[in-house]
Structures are given as C-alpha cells and as structure tokens.
C-alpha cells in the first residue's frame, strides 16, 4: 500500500463540514498534511473559531486518515487558527457551489 499525501487528502475528502455540506479539503480547511516516517501530521482549521463542530470534524479527520495508514502509525492532528480562514482558501468546486467565480 502506497501512502502519499494525495491518497491521504482523498481520505479527508470524505470528511464533511455539516454546516455547509462540503468536504474539508475543498473548503480549504486543511492547512498542513505531512507524512513523517511513521506518522501523519495534520493542521486543520474551521471557518470560524466559534464553530461548535471543530473537535468533531477533527476527530472524523483523524479516523479517515487512520483508515489509510498502517495500524502502527500515529496521526498528530490539531486545530489551528492562524492564518485565519477566508473564502479565498476554498477550491474551485466549493466556490462554484456557492456561486463565487473567483
């Protein structure tokens, strides 16, 4: 099994922000995703620090990553707030869904 950041990013596309109904990758909530030896590091943000779903979404992201890596690996995940999220971080699919061309 080949583990790449692309395959892990695909796993994170299964994690949906329930408030907007889009995945966390297309929303631009994944700030960092790195593979280091036998661990995966994830920095994730929310659209607002007041988001009540932050910890739940982070937990879902960890589970999605763990499903794609060997059981002996660890996932180090944290919520980060800098830089602040803006709609400019959204991918094309997300912008189109909300009717924002650019």
PDB file of N, CA and C in Angstrom:
ATOM      1  N   UNK A   1       0.852  -1.176   0.000  1.00  0.00           N
ATOM      2  CA  UNK A   1       0.000   0.000   0.000  1.00  0.00           C
ATOM      3  C   UNK A   1       0.896   1.237   0.000  1.00  0.00           C
ATOM      4  N   UNK A   2       0.701   2.065  -0.982  1.00  0.00           N
ATOM      5  CA  UNK A   2       1.472   3.296  -1.093  1.00  0.00           C
ATOM      6  C   UNK A   2       0.725   4.435  -0.398  1.00  0.00           C
ATOM      7  N   UNK A   3       1.391   5.037   0.555  1.00  0.00           N
ATOM      8  CA  UNK A   3       0.785   6.141   1.294  1.00  0.00           C
ATOM      9  C   UNK A   3       1.411   7.435   0.800  1.00  0.00           C
ATOM     10  N   UNK A   4       0.575   8.290   0.242  1.00  0.00           N
ATOM     11  CA  UNK A   4       1.027   9.581  -0.254  1.00  0.00           C
ATOM     12  C   UNK A   4       0.135  10.668   0.331  1.00  0.00           C
ATOM     13  N   UNK A   5       0.604  11.898   0.274  1.00  0.00           N
ATOM     14  CA  UNK A   5      -0.256  12.986   0.737  1.00  0.00           C
ATOM     15  C   UNK A   5      -1.507  13.084  -0.134  1.00  0.00           C
ATOM     16  N   UNK A   6      -1.384  12.742  -1.414  1.00  0.00           N
ATOM     17  CA  UNK A   6      -2.567  12.768  -2.289  1.00  0.00           C
ATOM     18  C   UNK A   6      -3.603  11.734  -1.840  1.00  0.00           C
ATOM     19  N   UNK A   7      -3.152  10.525  -1.494  1.00  0.00           N
ATOM     20  CA  UNK A   7      -4.105   9.497  -1.052  1.00  0.00           C
ATOM     21  C   UNK A   7      -4.730   9.876   0.290  1.00  0.00           C
ATOM     22  N   UNK A   8      -3.955  10.520   1.154  1.00  0.00           N
ATOM     23  CA  UNK A   8      -4.497  10.961   2.432  1.00  0.00           C
ATOM     24  C   UNK A   8      -5.458  12.137   2.247  1.00  0.00           C
ATOM     25  N   UNK A   9      -5.141  13.017   1.312  1.00  0.00           N
ATOM     26  CA  UNK A   9      -6.039  14.140   1.013  1.00  0.00           C
ATOM     27  C   UNK A   9      -7.372  13.601   0.484  1.00  0.00           C
ATOM     28  N   UNK A  10      -7.301  12.539  -0.335  1.00  0.00           N
ATOM     29  CA  UNK A  10      -8.531  11.903  -0.825  1.00  0.00           C
ATOM     30  C   UNK A  10      -9.357  11.350   0.340  1.00  0.00           C
ATOM     31  N   UNK A  11      -8.686  10.782   1.331  1.00  0.00           N
ATOM     32  CA  UNK A  11      -9.393  10.270   2.511  1.00  0.00           C
ATOM     33  C   UNK A  11     -10.093  11.414   3.243  1.00  0.00           C
ATOM     34  N   UNK A  12      -9.433  12.546   3.327  1.00  0.00           N
ATOM     35  CA  UNK A  12     -10.016  13.696   4.020  1.00  0.00           C
ATOM     36  C   UNK A  12     -11.203  14.284   3.260  1.00  0.00           C
ATOM     37  N   UNK A  13     -11.293  14.003   1.972  1.00  0.00           N
ATOM     38  CA  UNK A  13     -12.450  14.470   1.205  1.00  0.00           C
ATOM     39  C   UNK A  13     -13.750  13.779   1.653  1.00  0.00           C
ATOM     40  N   UNK A  14     -13.629  12.726   2.433  1.00  0.00           N
ATOM     41  CA  UNK A  14     -14.810  12.039   2.961  1.00  0.00           C
ATOM     42  C   UNK A  14     -15.345  12.724   4.222  1.00  0.00           C
ATOM     43  N   UNK A  15     -14.586  13.664   4.758  1.00  0.00           N
ATOM     44  CA  UNK A  15     -14.986  14.365   5.977  1.00  0.00           C
ATOM     45  C   UNK A  15     -15.748  15.622   5.570  1.00  0.00           C
ATOM     46  N   UNK A  16     -16.998  15.681   5.948  1.00  0.00           N
ATOM     47  CA  UNK A  16     -17.891  16.761   5.531  1.00  0.00           C
ATOM     48  C   UNK A  16     -18.119  17.736   6.693  1.00  0.00           C
ATOM     49  N   UNK A  17     -18.008  19.021   6.394  1.00  0.00           N
ATOM     50  CA  UNK A  17     -18.409  20.043   7.365  1.00  0.00           C
ATOM     51  C   UNK A  17     -19.934  20.086   7.318  1.00  0.00           C
ATOM     52  N   UNK A  18     -20.605  19.666   8.394  1.00  0.00           N
ATOM     53  CA  UNK A  18     -22.063  19.558   8.335  1.00  0.00           C
ATOM     54  C   UNK A  18     -22.778  20.891   8.197  1.00  0.00           C
ATOM     55  N   UNK A  19     -22.146  21.973   8.574  1.00  0.00           N
ATOM     56  CA  UNK A  19     -22.812  23.275   8.468  1.00  0.00           C
ATOM     57  C   UNK A  19     -22.935  23.747   7.026  1.00  0.00           C
ATOM     58  N   UNK A  20     -22.000  23.340   6.169  1.00  0.00           N
ATOM     59  CA  UNK A  20     -22.062  23.777   4.769  1.00  0.00           C
ATOM     60  C   UNK A  20     -22.226  22.622   3.795  1.00  0.00           C
ATOM     61  N   UNK A  21     -22.063  21.379   4.264  1.00  0.00           N
ATOM     62  CA  UNK A  21     -22.280  20.225   3.413  1.00  0.00           C
ATOM     63  C   UNK A  21     -21.205  19.976   2.382  1.00  0.00           C
ATOM     64  N   UNK A  22     -20.009  20.464   2.634  1.00  0.00           N
ATOM     65  CA  UNK A  22     -18.876  20.237   1.726  1.00  0.00           C
ATOM     66  C   UNK A  22     -17.718  19.623   2.500  1.00  0.00           C
ATOM     67  N   UNK A  23     -16.825  18.963   1.762  1.00  0.00           N
ATOM     68  CA  UNK A  23     -15.695  18.322   2.437  1.00  0.00           C
ATOM     69  C   UNK A  23     -14.647  19.353   2.862  1.00  0.00           C
ATOM     70  N   UNK A  24     -13.852  18.965   3.846  1.00  0.00           N
ATOM     71  CA  UNK A  24     -12.894  19.886   4.452  1.00  0.00           C
ATOM     72  C   UNK A  24     -11.736  20.251   3.523  1.00  0.00           C
ATOM     73  N   UNK A  25     -11.458  19.417   2.539  1.00  0.00           N
ATOM     74  CA  UNK A  25     -10.384  19.729   1.588  1.00  0.00           C
ATOM     75  C   UNK A  25     -10.839  20.835   0.645  1.00  0.00           C
ATOM     76  N   UNK A  26     -11.988  20.651   0.017  1.00  0.00           N
ATOM     77  CA  UNK A  26     -12.484  21.657  -0.925  1.00  0.00           C
ATOM     78  C   UNK A  26     -12.812  22.980  -0.237  1.00  0.00           C
ATOM     79  N   UNK A  27     -13.160  22.918   1.044  1.00  0.00           N
ATOM     80  CA  UNK A  27     -13.408  24.155   1.785  1.00  0.00           C
ATOM     81  C   UNK A  27     -12.117  24.895   2.142  1.00  0.00           C
ATOM     82  N   UNK A  28     -10.991  24.229   1.984  1.00  0.00           N
ATOM     83  CA  UNK A  28      -9.711  24.865   2.309  1.00  0.00           C
ATOM     84  C   UNK A  28      -9.405  24.854   3.794  1.00  0.00           C
ATOM     85  N   UNK A  29      -9.956  23.888   4.521  1.00  0.00           N
ATOM     86  CA  UNK A  29      -9.736  23.816   5.960  1.00  0.00           C
ATOM     87  C   UNK A  29      -8.462  23.063   6.335  1.00  0.00           C
ATOM     88  N   UNK A  30      -7.892  22.314   5.390  1.00  0.00           N
ATOM     89  CA  UNK A  30      -6.658  21.568   5.654  1.00  0.00           C
ATOM     90  C   UNK A  30      -5.482  22.507   5.382  1.00  0.00           C
ATOM     91  N   UNK A  31      -4.802  22.888   6.439  1.00  0.00           N
ATOM     92  CA  UNK A  31      -3.667  23.809   6.302  1.00  0.00           C
ATOM     93  C   UNK A  31      -2.357  23.063   6.079  1.00  0.00           C
ATOM     94  N   UNK A  32      -2.219  21.901   6.705  1.00  0.00           N
ATOM     95  CA  UNK A  32      -0.979  21.138   6.517  1.00  0.00           C
ATOM     96  C   UNK A  32      -1.301  19.660   6.639  1.00  0.00           C
ATOM     97  N   UNK A  33      -0.705  18.894   5.728  1.00  0.00           N
ATOM     98  CA  UNK A  33      -0.813  17.447   5.737  1.00  0.00           C
ATOM     99  C   UNK A  33       0.551  16.916   5.344  1.00  0.00           C
ATOM    100  N   UNK A  34       1.198  16.215   6.273  1.00  0.00           N
ATOM    101  CA  UNK A  34       2.571  15.755   6.021  1.00  0.00           C
ATOM    102  C   UNK A  34       2.748  14.333   6.526  1.00  0.00           C
ATOM    103  N   UNK A  35       3.578  13.597   5.811  1.00  0.00           N
ATOM    104  CA  UNK A  35       3.955  12.246   6.214  1.00  0.00           C
ATOM    105  C   UNK A  35       5.395  12.319   6.692  1.00  0.00           C
ATOM    106  N   UNK A  36       5.622  11.893   7.940  1.00  0.00           N
ATOM    107  CA  UNK A  36       6.963  11.889   8.519  1.00  0.00           C
ATOM    108  C   UNK A  36       7.226  10.514   9.116  1.00  0.00           C
ATOM    109  N   UNK A  37       8.144   9.777   8.499  1.00  0.00           N
ATOM    110  CA  UNK A  37       8.471   8.417   8.955  1.00  0.00           C
ATOM    111  C   UNK A  37       7.201   7.586   9.107  1.00  0.00           C
ATOM    112  N   UNK A  38       6.789   7.334  10.347  1.00  0.00           N
ATOM    113  CA  UNK A  38       5.601   6.521  10.592  1.00  0.00           C
ATOM    114  C   UNK A  38       4.504   7.336  11.281  1.00  0.00           C
ATOM    115  N   UNK A  39       4.375   8.573  10.864  1.00  0.00           N
ATOM    116  CA  UNK A  39       3.299   9.410  11.401  1.00  0.00           C
ATOM    117  C   UNK A  39       2.759  10.319  10.312  1.00  0.00           C
ATOM    118  N   UNK A  40       1.557  10.776  10.553  1.00  0.00           N
ATOM    119  CA  UNK A  40       0.914  11.750   9.676  1.00  0.00           C
ATOM    120  C   UNK A  40       0.601  12.960  10.534  1.00  0.00           C
ATOM    121  N   UNK A  41       0.952  14.131  10.029  1.00  0.00           N
ATOM    122  CA  UNK A  41       0.669  15.358  10.756  1.00  0.00           C
ATOM    123  C   UNK A  41      -0.365  16.169   9.995  1.00  0.00           C
ATOM    124  N   UNK A  42      -1.358  16.645  10.728  1.00  0.00           N
ATOM    125  CA  UNK A  42      -2.462  17.383  10.141  1.00  0.00           C
ATOM    126  C   UNK A  42      -2.717  18.650  10.935  1.00  0.00           C
ATOM    127  N   UNK A  43      -2.729  19.775  10.251  1.00  0.00           N
ATOM    128  CA  UNK A  43      -3.198  21.040  10.818  1.00  0.00           C
ATOM    129  C   UNK A  43      -4.484  21.377  10.097  1.00  0.00           C
ATOM    130  N   UNK A  44      -5.523  21.573  10.872  1.00  0.00           N
ATOM    131  CA  UNK A  44      -6.859  21.803  10.344  1.00  0.00           C
ATOM    132  C   UNK A  44      -7.431  23.048  10.997  1.00  0.00           C
ATOM    133  N   UNK A  45      -8.172  23.817  10.240  1.00  0.00           N
ATOM    134  CA  UNK A  45      -8.843  24.979  10.797  1.00  0.00           C
ATOM    135  C   UNK A  45     -10.341  24.859  10.561  1.00  0.00           C
ATOM    136  N   UNK A  46     -11.076  25.769  11.095  1.00  0.00           N
ATOM    137  CA  UNK A  46     -12.513  25.864  10.850  1.00  0.00           C
ATOM    138  C   UNK A  46     -12.781  27.225  10.218  1.00  0.00           C
ATOM    139  N   UNK A  47     -13.954  27.392   9.674  1.00  0.00           N
ATOM    140  CA  UNK A  47     -14.283  28.669   9.044  1.00  0.00           C
ATOM    141  C   UNK A  47     -14.366  29.785  10.086  1.00  0.00           C
ATOM    142  N   UNK A  48     -14.571  29.406  11.344  1.00  0.00           N
ATOM    143  CA  UNK A  48     -14.634  30.381  12.436  1.00  0.00           C
ATOM    144  C   UNK A  48     -14.189  29.705  13.728  1.00  0.00           C
ATOM    145  N   UNK A  49     -13.443  30.425  14.588  1.00  0.00           N
ATOM    146  CA  UNK A  49     -13.093  29.838  15.883  1.00  0.00           C
ATOM    147  C   UNK A  49     -14.328  29.505  16.731  1.00  0.00           C
ATOM    148  N   UNK A  50     -15.460  30.101  16.417  1.00  0.00           N
ATOM    149  CA  UNK A  50     -16.690  29.838  17.165  1.00  0.00           C
ATOM    150  C   UNK A  50     -17.418  28.589  16.671  1.00  0.00           C
ATOM    151  N   UNK A  51     -16.881  27.917  15.673  1.00  0.00           N
ATOM    152  CA  UNK A  51     -17.537  26.735  15.105  1.00  0.00           C
ATOM    153  C   UNK A  51     -17.680  25.648  16.178  1.00  0.00           C
ATOM    154  N   UNK A  52     -18.906  25.240  16.475  1.00  0.00           N
ATOM    155  CA  UNK A  52     -19.106  24.220  17.510  1.00  0.00           C
ATOM    156  C   UNK A  52     -18.729  22.811  17.059  1.00  0.00           C
ATOM    157  N   UNK A  53     -18.475  22.635  15.778  1.00  0.00           N
ATOM    158  CA  UNK A  53     -18.194  21.304  15.227  1.00  0.00           C
ATOM    159  C   UNK A  53     -16.697  21.006  15.120  1.00  0.00           C
ATOM    160  N   UNK A  54     -15.849  21.932  15.505  1.00  0.00           N
ATOM    161  CA  UNK A  54     -14.409  21.802  15.290  1.00  0.00           C
ATOM    162  C   UNK A  54     -13.805  20.500  15.782  1.00  0.00           C
ATOM    163  N   UNK A  55     -14.019  20.170  17.050  1.00  0.00           N
ATOM    164  CA  UNK A  55     -13.430  18.950  17.608  1.00  0.00           C
ATOM    165  C   UNK A  55     -13.992  17.701  16.934  1.00  0.00           C
ATOM    166  N   UNK A  56     -15.273  17.714  16.627  1.00  0.00           N
ATOM    167  CA  UNK A  56     -15.890  16.566  15.957  1.00  0.00           C
ATOM    168  C   UNK A  56     -15.341  16.352  14.559  1.00  0.00           C
ATOM    169  N   UNK A  57     -15.162  17.439  13.833  1.00  0.00           N
ATOM    170  CA  UNK A  57     -14.594  17.347  12.487  1.00  0.00           C
ATOM    171  C   UNK A  57     -13.142  16.882  12.566  1.00  0.00           C
ATOM    172  N   UNK A  58     -12.400  17.385  13.537  1.00  0.00           N
ATOM    173  CA  UNK A  58     -11.012  16.943  13.721  1.00  0.00           C
ATOM    174  C   UNK A  58     -10.969  15.445  14.014  1.00  0.00           C
ATOM    175  N   UNK A  59     -11.855  14.965  14.876  1.00  0.00           N
ATOM    176  CA  UNK A  59     -11.907  13.525  15.187  1.00  0.00           C
ATOM    177  C   UNK A  59     -12.225  12.704  13.944  1.00  0.00           C
ATOM    178  N   UNK A  60     -13.170  13.178  13.124  1.00  0.00           N
ATOM    179  CA  UNK A  60     -13.504  12.468  11.883  1.00  0.00           C
ATOM    180  C   UNK A  60     -12.316  12.441  10.928  1.00  0.00           C
ATOM    181  N   UNK A  61     -11.567  13.536  10.868  1.00  0.00           N
ATOM    182  CA  UNK A  61     -10.395  13.601  10.002  1.00  0.00           C
ATOM    183  C   UNK A  61      -9.343  12.594  10.451  1.00  0.00           C
ATOM    184  N   UNK A  62      -9.137  12.483  11.745  1.00  0.00           N
ATOM    185  CA  UNK A  62      -8.171  11.516  12.271  1.00  0.00           C
ATOM    186  C   UNK A  62      -8.604  10.097  11.906  1.00  0.00           C
ATOM    187  N   UNK A  63      -9.877   9.782  12.072  1.00  0.00           N
ATOM    188  CA  UNK A  63     -10.373   8.446  11.714  1.00  0.00           C
ATOM    189  C   UNK A  63     -10.202   8.165  10.224  1.00  0.00           C
ATOM    190  N   UNK A  64     -10.465   9.164   9.384  1.00  0.00           N
ATOM    191  CA  UNK A  64     -10.305   8.982   7.932  1.00  0.00           C
ATOM    192  C   UNK A  64      -8.847   8.700   7.581  1.00  0.00           C
ATOM    193  N   UNK A  65      -7.938   9.394   8.236  1.00  0.00           N
ATOM    194  CA  UNK A  65      -6.513   9.164   7.977  1.00  0.00           C
ATOM    195  C   UNK A  65      -6.074   7.797   8.491  1.00  0.00           C
ATOM    196  N   UNK A  66      -6.512   7.437   9.680  1.00  0.00           N
ATOM    197  CA  UNK A  66      -6.131   6.139  10.255  1.00  0.00           C
ATOM    198  C   UNK A  66      -6.599   4.978   9.389  1.00  0.00           C
ATOM    199  N   UNK A  67      -7.693   5.164   8.665  1.00  0.00           N
ATOM    200  CA  UNK A  67      -8.195   4.105   7.792  1.00  0.00           C
ATOM    201  C   UNK A  67      -7.280   3.877   6.596  1.00  0.00           C
ATOM    202  N   UNK A  68      -6.384   4.811   6.308  1.00  0.00           N
ATOM    203  CA  UNK A  68      -5.499   4.717   5.139  1.00  0.00           C
ATOM    204  C   UNK A  68      -4.042   4.435   5.479  1.00  0.00           C
ATOM    205  N   UNK A  69      -3.723   4.305   6.766  1.00  0.00           N
ATOM    206  CA  UNK A  69      -2.324   4.091   7.164  1.00  0.00           C
ATOM    207  C   UNK A  69      -2.208   2.802   7.978  1.00  0.00           C
ATOM    208  N   UNK A  70      -0.989   2.258   8.094  1.00  0.00           N
ATOM    209  CA  UNK A  70      -0.809   1.070   8.936  1.00  0.00           C
ATOM    210  C   UNK A  70      -1.200   1.357  10.389  1.00  0.00           C
ATOM    211  N   UNK A  71      -1.669   0.327  11.080  1.00  0.00           N
ATOM    212  CA  UNK A  71      -2.118   0.483  12.471  1.00  0.00           C
ATOM    213  C   UNK A  71      -1.012   0.975  13.393  1.00  0.00           C
ATOM    214  N   UNK A  72       0.235   0.703  13.044  1.00  0.00           N
ATOM    215  CA  UNK A  72       1.353   1.118  13.896  1.00  0.00           C
ATOM    216  C   UNK A  72       1.693   2.607  13.760  1.00  0.00           C
ATOM    217  N   UNK A  73       1.162   3.261  12.761  1.00  0.00           N
ATOM    218  CA  UNK A  73       1.416   4.693  12.561  1.00  0.00           C
ATOM    219  C   UNK A  73       0.544   5.515  13.499  1.00  0.00           C
ATOM    220  N   UNK A  74       0.968   6.754  13.717  1.00  0.00           N
ATOM    221  CA  UNK A  74       0.166   7.657  14.530  1.00  0.00           C
ATOM    222  C   UNK A  74      -0.247   8.873  13.694  1.00  0.00           C
ATOM    223  N   UNK A  75      -1.330   9.469  14.102  1.00  0.00           N
ATOM    224  CA  UNK A  75      -1.806  10.701  13.484  1.00  0.00           C
ATOM    225  C   UNK A  75      -1.706  11.797  14.540  1.00  0.00           C
ATOM    226  N   UNK A  76      -0.965  12.830  14.220  1.00  0.00           N
ATOM    227  CA  UNK A  76      -0.869  14.002  15.085  1.00  0.00           C
ATOM    228  C   UNK A  76      -1.686  15.101  14.431  1.00  0.00           C
ATOM    229  N   UNK A  77      -2.816  15.443  15.051  1.00  0.00           N
ATOM    230  CA  UNK A  77      -3.731  16.405  14.447  1.00  0.00           C
ATOM    231  C   UNK A  77      -4.043  17.515  15.443  1.00  0.00           C
ATOM    232  N   UNK A  78      -4.158  18.713  14.895  1.00  0.00           N
ATOM    233  CA  UNK A  78      -4.508  19.840  15.752  1.00  0.00           C
ATOM    234  C   UNK A  78      -5.324  20.866  14.980  1.00  0.00           C
ATOM    235  N   UNK A  79      -6.163  21.567  15.739  1.00  0.00           N
ATOM    236  CA  UNK A  79      -6.876  22.707  15.186  1.00  0.00           C
ATOM    237  C   UNK A  79      -5.974  23.928  15.296  1.00  0.00           C
ATOM    238  N   UNK A  80      -5.881  24.686  14.211  1.00  0.00           N
ATOM    239  CA  UNK A  80      -5.073  25.904  14.203  1.00  0.00           C
ATOM    240  C   UNK A  80      -5.953  27.068  13.756  1.00  0.00           C
ATOM    241  N   UNK A  81      -5.564  28.264  14.147  1.00  0.00           N
ATOM    242  CA  UNK A  81      -6.381  29.440  13.841  1.00  0.00           C
ATOM    243  C   UNK A  81      -5.619  30.500  13.078  1.00  0.00           C
ATOM    244  N   UNK A  82      -4.351  30.288  12.837  1.00  0.00           N
ATOM    245  CA  UNK A  82      -3.539  31.244  12.083  1.00  0.00           C
ATOM    246  C   UNK A  82      -2.931  30.536  10.890  1.00  0.00           C
ATOM    247  N   UNK A  83      -3.022  31.107   9.724  1.00  0.00           N
ATOM    248  CA  UNK A  83      -3.771  32.317   9.417  1.00  0.00           C
ATOM    249  C   UNK A  83      -5.268  32.036   9.453  1.00  0.00           C
ATOM    250  N   UNK A  84      -6.033  33.068   9.674  1.00  0.00           N
ATOM    251  CA  UNK A  84      -7.478  32.917   9.719  1.00  0.00           C
ATOM    252  C   UNK A  84      -7.993  32.437   8.363  1.00  0.00           C
ATOM    253  N   UNK A  85      -8.982  31.551   8.401  1.00  0.00           N
ATOM    254  CA  UNK A  85      -9.587  31.043   7.167  1.00  0.00           C
ATOM    255  C   UNK A  85     -10.361  32.166   6.489  1.00  0.00           C
ATOM    256  N   UNK A  86     -10.295  32.187   5.161  1.00  0.00           N
ATOM    257  CA  UNK A  86     -11.114  33.092   4.351  1.00  0.00           C
ATOM    258  C   UNK A  86     -11.681  32.291   3.186  1.00  0.00           C
ATOM    259  N   UNK A  87     -12.750  32.754   2.554  1.00  0.00           N
ATOM    260  CA  UNK A  87     -13.304  32.041   1.401  1.00  0.00           C
ATOM    261  C   UNK A  87     -12.302  31.874   0.253  1.00  0.00           C
ATOM    262  N   UNK A  88     -11.257  32.684   0.219  1.00  0.00           N
ATOM    263  CA  UNK A  88     -10.244  32.555  -0.829  1.00  0.00           C
ATOM    264  C   UNK A  88      -9.511  31.214  -0.759  1.00  0.00           C
ATOM    265  N   UNK A  89      -9.579  30.538   0.374  1.00  0.00           N
ATOM    266  CA  UNK A  89      -8.916  29.233   0.530  1.00  0.00           C
ATOM    267  C   UNK A  89      -9.718  28.098  -0.097  1.00  0.00           C
ATOM    268  N   UNK A  90     -10.971  28.347  -0.447  1.00  0.00           N
ATOM    269  CA  UNK A  90     -11.817  27.290  -0.996  1.00  0.00           C
ATOM    270  C   UNK A  90     -11.345  26.872  -2.382  1.00  0.00           C
ATOM    271  N   UNK A  91     -11.544  25.596  -2.677  1.00  0.00           N
ATOM    272  CA  UNK A  91     -11.254  25.082  -4.001  1.00  0.00           C
ATOM    273  C   UNK A  91     -12.336  25.498  -4.985  1.00  0.00           C
ATOM    274  N   UNK A  92     -12.078  25.218  -6.244  1.00  0.00           N
ATOM    275  CA  UNK A  92     -12.998  25.622  -7.306  1.00  0.00           C
ATOM    276  C   UNK A  92     -14.400  25.034  -7.117  1.00  0.00           C
ATOM    277  N   UNK A  93     -14.477  23.746  -6.732  1.00  0.00           N
ATOM    278  CA  UNK A  93     -15.782  23.105  -6.535  1.00  0.00           C
ATOM    279  C   UNK A  93     -16.609  23.853  -5.490  1.00  0.00           C
ATOM    280  N   UNK A  94     -15.960  24.220  -4.404  1.00  0.00           N
ATOM    281  CA  UNK A  94     -16.673  24.916  -3.334  1.00  0.00           C
ATOM    282  C   UNK A  94     -17.115  26.306  -3.789  1.00  0.00           C
ATOM    283  N   UNK A  95     -16.237  27.013  -4.474  1.00  0.00           N
ATOM    284  CA  UNK A  95     -16.597  28.354  -4.951  1.00  0.00           C
ATOM    285  C   UNK A  95     -17.773  28.278  -5.924  1.00  0.00           C
ATOM    286  N   UNK A  96     -17.751  27.296  -6.808  1.00  0.00           N
ATOM    287  CA  UNK A  96     -18.849  27.143  -7.765  1.00  0.00           C
ATOM    288  C   UNK A  96     -20.163  26.812  -7.060  1.00  0.00           C
ATOM    289  N   UNK A  97     -20.087  25.986  -6.035  1.00  0.00           N
ATOM    290  CA  UNK A  97     -21.305  25.616  -5.310  1.00  0.00           C
ATOM    291  C   UNK A  97     -21.971  26.844  -4.688  1.00  0.00           C
ATOM    292  N   UNK A  98     -21.151  27.766  -4.209  1.00  0.00           N
ATOM    293  CA  UNK A  98     -21.695  28.978  -3.589  1.00  0.00           C
ATOM    294  C   UNK A  98     -21.894  30.113  -4.584  1.00  0.00           C
ATOM    295  N   UNK A  99     -21.564  29.861  -5.850  1.00  0.00           N
ATOM    296  CA  UNK A  99     -21.750  30.862  -6.872  1.00  0.00           C
ATOM    297  C   UNK A  99     -20.688  31.949  -6.879  1.00  0.00           C
ATOM    298  N   UNK A 100     -19.518  31.624  -6.327  1.00  0.00           N
ATOM    299  CA  UNK A 100     -18.404  32.579  -6.292  1.00  0.00           C
ATOM    300  C   UNK A 100     -17.405  32.165  -7.370  1.00  0.00           C
ATOM    301  N   UNK A 101     -17.324  32.947  -8.432  1.00  0.00           N
ATOM    302  CA  UNK A 101     -16.440  32.596  -9.548  1.00  0.00           C
ATOM    303  C   UNK A 101     -14.970  32.698  -9.157  1.00  0.00           C
ATOM    304  N   UNK A 102     -14.599  33.722  -8.465  1.00  0.00           N
ATOM    305  CA  UNK A 102     -13.185  33.915  -8.119  1.00  0.00           C
ATOM    306  C   UNK A 102     -13.021  34.195  -6.674  1.00  0.00           C
TER     307      UNK A 102
END
